[in-house]
Amino acid sequence: MVQEIEFILYTADQKKSKDFYSFVLDLTPTLDVEGMTEFMLSPNCKLGLMPEKGIAKILSNKTPHPASGNGIPRCEIYFKADNIEDYFSRAVAA
C-alpha cells in the first residue's frame, strides 16, 4: 500500500511559484524555507517546489542544469510504500 506521494517541481523562481500554487490551490504552504516550499494536497500527497539552482547543486554534473531546456529531468516523484519492489517492478514493466 502506498503510504505517501510527494511531487517536487523544479522552479526558476520559488517565491513566484509559491504564490501561484498558493492562489490556484487555495492552500497555505506547510513548509516554506529557502530551497523548498511544500503543500499538503491530501493527507498522503505533498507538492514540493525546489529552485532549479538548488537541485543543480545536489545533482552536480550528473544531469544538465534544469534551466538549460526541456527534455531533461524537471521534477521528482517519491513513492513511500510497503513492498516498494512490487511498485518498482511494475514501473519498469510499464
N, C-alpha and C. Protein backbone atom coordinates (compact mmCIF):
# COMPACT_ATOMS: atom_id res chain seq x y z
N MET A 1 0.84 -1.17 0.00
CA MET A 1 0.00 0.00 0.00
C MET A 1 0.89 1.25 0.00
N VAL A 2 0.55 2.21 -0.83
CA VAL A 2 1.28 3.48 -0.88
C VAL A 2 1.01 4.24 0.41
N GLN A 3 2.08 4.73 1.05
CA GLN A 3 1.94 5.47 2.30
C GLN A 3 1.91 6.97 2.07
N GLU A 4 2.73 7.45 1.13
CA GLU A 4 2.81 8.88 0.88
C GLU A 4 3.36 9.11 -0.52
N ILE A 5 2.88 10.13 -1.19
CA ILE A 5 3.38 10.53 -2.51
C ILE A 5 3.80 11.99 -2.40
N GLU A 6 5.00 12.29 -2.92
CA GLU A 6 5.49 13.66 -2.92
C GLU A 6 5.99 14.00 -4.31
N PHE A 7 5.50 15.09 -4.87
CA PHE A 7 5.95 15.60 -6.16
C PHE A 7 6.80 16.83 -5.89
N ILE A 8 7.99 16.89 -6.47
CA ILE A 8 8.84 18.07 -6.33
C ILE A 8 9.06 18.66 -7.71
N LEU A 9 8.61 19.88 -7.91
CA LEU A 9 8.78 20.58 -9.18
C LEU A 9 9.95 21.54 -9.06
N TYR A 10 10.83 21.53 -10.04
CA TYR A 10 11.93 22.48 -10.07
C TYR A 10 11.42 23.78 -10.67
N THR A 11 11.75 24.88 -10.03
CA THR A 11 11.20 26.16 -10.44
C THR A 11 12.30 27.21 -10.59
N ALA A 12 12.11 28.10 -11.54
CA ALA A 12 13.07 29.18 -11.74
C ALA A 12 12.97 30.21 -10.62
N ASP A 13 11.78 30.37 -10.06
CA ASP A 13 11.55 31.37 -9.02
C ASP A 13 10.64 30.77 -7.95
N GLN A 14 11.22 30.40 -6.83
CA GLN A 14 10.47 29.73 -5.76
C GLN A 14 9.33 30.59 -5.24
N LYS A 15 9.57 31.88 -5.02
CA LYS A 15 8.52 32.75 -4.47
C LYS A 15 7.35 32.89 -5.44
N LYS A 16 7.65 33.13 -6.72
CA LYS A 16 6.56 33.24 -7.71
C LYS A 16 5.77 31.94 -7.79
N SER A 17 6.48 30.82 -7.76
CA SER A 17 5.80 29.53 -7.82
C SER A 17 4.96 29.30 -6.57
N LYS A 18 5.50 29.66 -5.40
CA LYS A 18 4.74 29.54 -4.16
C LYS A 18 3.48 30.37 -4.22
N ASP A 19 3.61 31.60 -4.67
CA ASP A 19 2.44 32.48 -4.77
C ASP A 19 1.41 31.92 -5.75
N PHE A 20 1.87 31.41 -6.88
CA PHE A 20 0.98 30.83 -7.88
C PHE A 20 0.22 29.64 -7.31
N TYR A 21 0.94 28.67 -6.74
CA TYR A 21 0.27 27.47 -6.23
C TYR A 21 -0.58 27.78 -5.00
N SER A 22 -0.16 28.73 -4.17
CA SER A 22 -0.99 29.13 -3.04
C SER A 22 -2.34 29.64 -3.52
N PHE A 23 -2.29 30.44 -4.58
CA PHE A 23 -3.52 31.02 -5.12
C PHE A 23 -4.37 29.95 -5.81
N VAL A 24 -3.77 29.23 -6.72
CA VAL A 24 -4.51 28.23 -7.51
C VAL A 24 -5.10 27.15 -6.62
N LEU A 25 -4.31 26.67 -5.67
CA LEU A 25 -4.77 25.58 -4.80
C LEU A 25 -5.54 26.06 -3.59
N ASP A 26 -5.51 27.38 -3.34
CA ASP A 26 -6.14 27.95 -2.15
C ASP A 26 -5.61 27.28 -0.89
N LEU A 27 -4.27 27.13 -0.85
CA LEU A 27 -3.61 26.49 0.27
C LEU A 27 -2.46 27.36 0.77
N THR A 28 -2.19 27.26 2.05
CA THR A 28 -1.01 27.86 2.65
C THR A 28 0.06 26.79 2.71
N PRO A 29 1.29 27.11 2.35
CA PRO A 29 2.34 26.09 2.42
C PRO A 29 2.50 25.55 3.84
N THR A 30 2.78 24.25 3.93
CA THR A 30 3.06 23.65 5.23
C THR A 30 4.54 23.79 5.57
N LEU A 31 5.35 24.08 4.56
CA LEU A 31 6.78 24.36 4.74
C LEU A 31 7.14 25.42 3.72
N ASP A 32 7.84 26.45 4.15
CA ASP A 32 8.27 27.50 3.23
C ASP A 32 9.59 28.07 3.74
N VAL A 33 10.68 27.46 3.30
CA VAL A 33 12.01 27.89 3.69
C VAL A 33 12.82 28.06 2.40
N GLU A 34 13.94 28.74 2.50
CA GLU A 34 14.80 28.89 1.34
C GLU A 34 15.19 27.50 0.84
N GLY A 35 14.86 27.23 -0.41
CA GLY A 35 15.20 25.95 -1.02
C GLY A 35 14.07 24.95 -1.11
N MET A 36 12.94 25.17 -0.40
CA MET A 36 11.83 24.23 -0.50
C MET A 36 10.54 24.84 0.04
N THR A 37 9.49 24.70 -0.75
CA THR A 37 8.13 25.04 -0.33
C THR A 37 7.30 23.78 -0.52
N GLU A 38 6.45 23.47 0.44
CA GLU A 38 5.62 22.27 0.35
C GLU A 38 4.16 22.59 0.64
N PHE A 39 3.28 21.90 -0.07
CA PHE A 39 1.84 21.97 0.14
C PHE A 39 1.32 20.56 0.36
N MET A 40 0.49 20.38 1.37
CA MET A 40 -0.19 19.10 1.56
C MET A 40 -1.44 19.11 0.68
N LEU A 41 -1.43 18.27 -0.35
CA LEU A 41 -2.58 18.20 -1.26
C LEU A 41 -3.67 17.30 -0.70
N SER A 42 -3.27 16.33 0.08
CA SER A 42 -4.18 15.43 0.78
C SER A 42 -3.36 14.85 1.94
N PRO A 43 -3.97 14.08 2.82
CA PRO A 43 -3.19 13.55 3.94
C PRO A 43 -1.96 12.74 3.50
N ASN A 44 -1.98 12.18 2.30
CA ASN A 44 -0.88 11.33 1.84
C ASN A 44 -0.17 11.87 0.60
N CYS A 45 -0.46 13.09 0.20
CA CYS A 45 0.12 13.62 -1.04
C CYS A 45 0.61 15.05 -0.85
N LYS A 46 1.88 15.26 -1.19
CA LYS A 46 2.53 16.55 -0.97
C LYS A 46 3.13 17.06 -2.27
N LEU A 47 3.00 18.35 -2.51
CA LEU A 47 3.64 19.02 -3.64
C LEU A 47 4.78 19.86 -3.11
N GLY A 48 5.98 19.68 -3.66
CA GLY A 48 7.13 20.47 -3.28
C GLY A 48 7.60 21.34 -4.43
N LEU A 49 8.14 22.48 -4.09
CA LEU A 49 8.72 23.40 -5.07
C LEU A 49 10.17 23.66 -4.67
N MET A 50 11.09 23.32 -5.56
CA MET A 50 12.52 23.48 -5.28
C MET A 50 13.15 24.33 -6.38
N PRO A 51 13.96 25.31 -6.01
CA PRO A 51 14.63 26.13 -7.02
C PRO A 51 15.55 25.28 -7.90
N GLU A 52 15.57 25.62 -9.19
CA GLU A 52 16.46 24.92 -10.14
C GLU A 52 17.90 24.94 -9.66
N LYS A 53 18.33 26.07 -9.12
CA LYS A 53 19.71 26.20 -8.65
C LYS A 53 20.01 25.19 -7.54
N GLY A 54 19.02 24.94 -6.68
CA GLY A 54 19.21 24.01 -5.58
C GLY A 54 19.40 22.59 -6.05
N ILE A 55 18.53 22.14 -6.96
CA ILE A 55 18.65 20.76 -7.45
C ILE A 55 19.90 20.62 -8.31
N ALA A 56 20.29 21.67 -9.01
CA ALA A 56 21.50 21.61 -9.82
C ALA A 56 22.72 21.36 -8.93
N LYS A 57 22.75 21.96 -7.74
CA LYS A 57 23.85 21.72 -6.81
C LYS A 57 23.83 20.28 -6.31
N ILE A 58 22.65 19.77 -6.01
CA ILE A 58 22.52 18.41 -5.50
C ILE A 58 22.94 17.39 -6.55
N LEU A 59 22.47 17.58 -7.77
CA LEU A 59 22.76 16.62 -8.84
C LEU A 59 24.12 16.82 -9.47
N SER A 60 24.71 17.97 -9.23
CA SER A 60 26.05 18.27 -9.71
C SER A 60 26.12 18.09 -11.23
N ASN A 61 27.07 17.35 -11.72
CA ASN A 61 27.24 17.15 -13.16
C ASN A 61 26.58 15.87 -13.65
N LYS A 62 25.67 15.29 -12.87
CA LYS A 62 25.03 14.04 -13.25
C LYS A 62 23.91 14.23 -14.28
N THR A 63 23.45 15.45 -14.42
CA THR A 63 22.37 15.76 -15.37
C THR A 63 22.52 17.23 -15.76
N PRO A 64 22.02 17.61 -16.93
CA PRO A 64 22.11 19.02 -17.30
C PRO A 64 21.36 19.91 -16.30
N HIS A 65 21.77 21.15 -16.21
CA HIS A 65 21.09 22.11 -15.34
C HIS A 65 19.64 22.24 -15.80
N PRO A 66 18.67 22.17 -14.90
CA PRO A 66 17.26 22.24 -15.29
C PRO A 66 16.89 23.50 -16.08
N ALA A 67 17.62 24.59 -15.90
CA ALA A 67 17.29 25.82 -16.61
C ALA A 67 17.71 25.77 -18.07
N SER A 68 18.46 24.74 -18.47
CA SER A 68 19.01 24.73 -19.83
C SER A 68 18.04 24.26 -20.90
N GLY A 69 16.86 23.78 -20.53
CA GLY A 69 15.91 23.42 -21.58
C GLY A 69 14.95 22.32 -21.21
N ASN A 70 14.16 21.94 -22.17
CA ASN A 70 13.18 20.87 -21.98
C ASN A 70 13.80 19.52 -22.29
N GLY A 71 13.08 18.46 -21.95
CA GLY A 71 13.54 17.12 -22.25
C GLY A 71 14.55 16.59 -21.25
N ILE A 72 14.70 17.27 -20.13
CA ILE A 72 15.61 16.82 -19.08
C ILE A 72 14.80 16.69 -17.79
N PRO A 73 15.35 16.07 -16.75
CA PRO A 73 14.58 15.94 -15.51
C PRO A 73 14.09 17.30 -15.01
N ARG A 74 12.79 17.39 -14.73
CA ARG A 74 12.20 18.64 -14.27
C ARG A 74 11.48 18.47 -12.93
N CYS A 75 11.36 17.26 -12.44
CA CYS A 75 10.69 17.05 -11.16
C CYS A 75 11.11 15.71 -10.58
N GLU A 76 10.70 15.47 -9.37
CA GLU A 76 10.92 14.19 -8.69
C GLU A 76 9.59 13.68 -8.20
N ILE A 77 9.41 12.37 -8.22
CA ILE A 77 8.21 11.76 -7.65
C ILE A 77 8.68 10.67 -6.69
N TYR A 78 8.26 10.74 -5.45
CA TYR A 78 8.63 9.76 -4.44
C TYR A 78 7.40 8.94 -4.07
N PHE A 79 7.55 7.64 -4.02
CA PHE A 79 6.52 6.74 -3.52
C PHE A 79 7.06 6.09 -2.26
N LYS A 80 6.41 6.31 -1.17
CA LYS A 80 6.77 5.66 0.09
C LYS A 80 5.70 4.61 0.35
N ALA A 81 6.09 3.37 0.21
CA ALA A 81 5.10 2.30 0.25
C ALA A 81 5.68 1.02 0.82
N ASP A 82 4.79 0.17 1.32
CA ASP A 82 5.19 -1.19 1.66
C ASP A 82 5.47 -1.93 0.35
N ASN A 83 6.36 -2.88 0.34
CA ASN A 83 6.67 -3.68 -0.85
C ASN A 83 7.05 -2.82 -2.05
N ILE A 84 7.97 -1.88 -1.84
CA ILE A 84 8.35 -0.96 -2.91
C ILE A 84 8.87 -1.70 -4.13
N GLU A 85 9.45 -2.89 -3.93
CA GLU A 85 9.95 -3.68 -5.07
C GLU A 85 8.83 -4.00 -6.05
N ASP A 86 7.64 -4.26 -5.55
CA ASP A 86 6.49 -4.53 -6.43
C ASP A 86 6.17 -3.31 -7.28
N TYR A 87 6.17 -2.13 -6.67
CA TYR A 87 5.90 -0.89 -7.41
C TYR A 87 6.99 -0.63 -8.44
N PHE A 88 8.23 -0.85 -8.04
CA PHE A 88 9.36 -0.63 -8.94
C PHE A 88 9.26 -1.58 -10.15
N SER A 89 8.96 -2.83 -9.91
CA SER A 89 8.84 -3.81 -11.00
C SER A 89 7.75 -3.40 -12.00
N ARG A 90 6.63 -2.94 -11.48
CA ARG A 90 5.55 -2.50 -12.38
C ARG A 90 5.96 -1.25 -13.17
N ALA A 91 6.70 -0.35 -12.52
CA ALA A 91 7.15 0.84 -13.23
C ALA A 91 8.10 0.49 -14.36
N VAL A 92 9.01 -0.43 -14.10
CA VAL A 92 9.95 -0.87 -15.13
C VAL A 92 9.20 -1.57 -16.27
N ALA A 93 8.23 -2.41 -15.93
CA ALA A 93 7.46 -3.12 -16.94
C ALA A 93 6.64 -2.19 -17.80
N ALA A 94 6.16 -1.12 -17.19
CA ALA A 94 5.32 -0.17 -17.94
C ALA A 94 6.18 0.64 -18.89
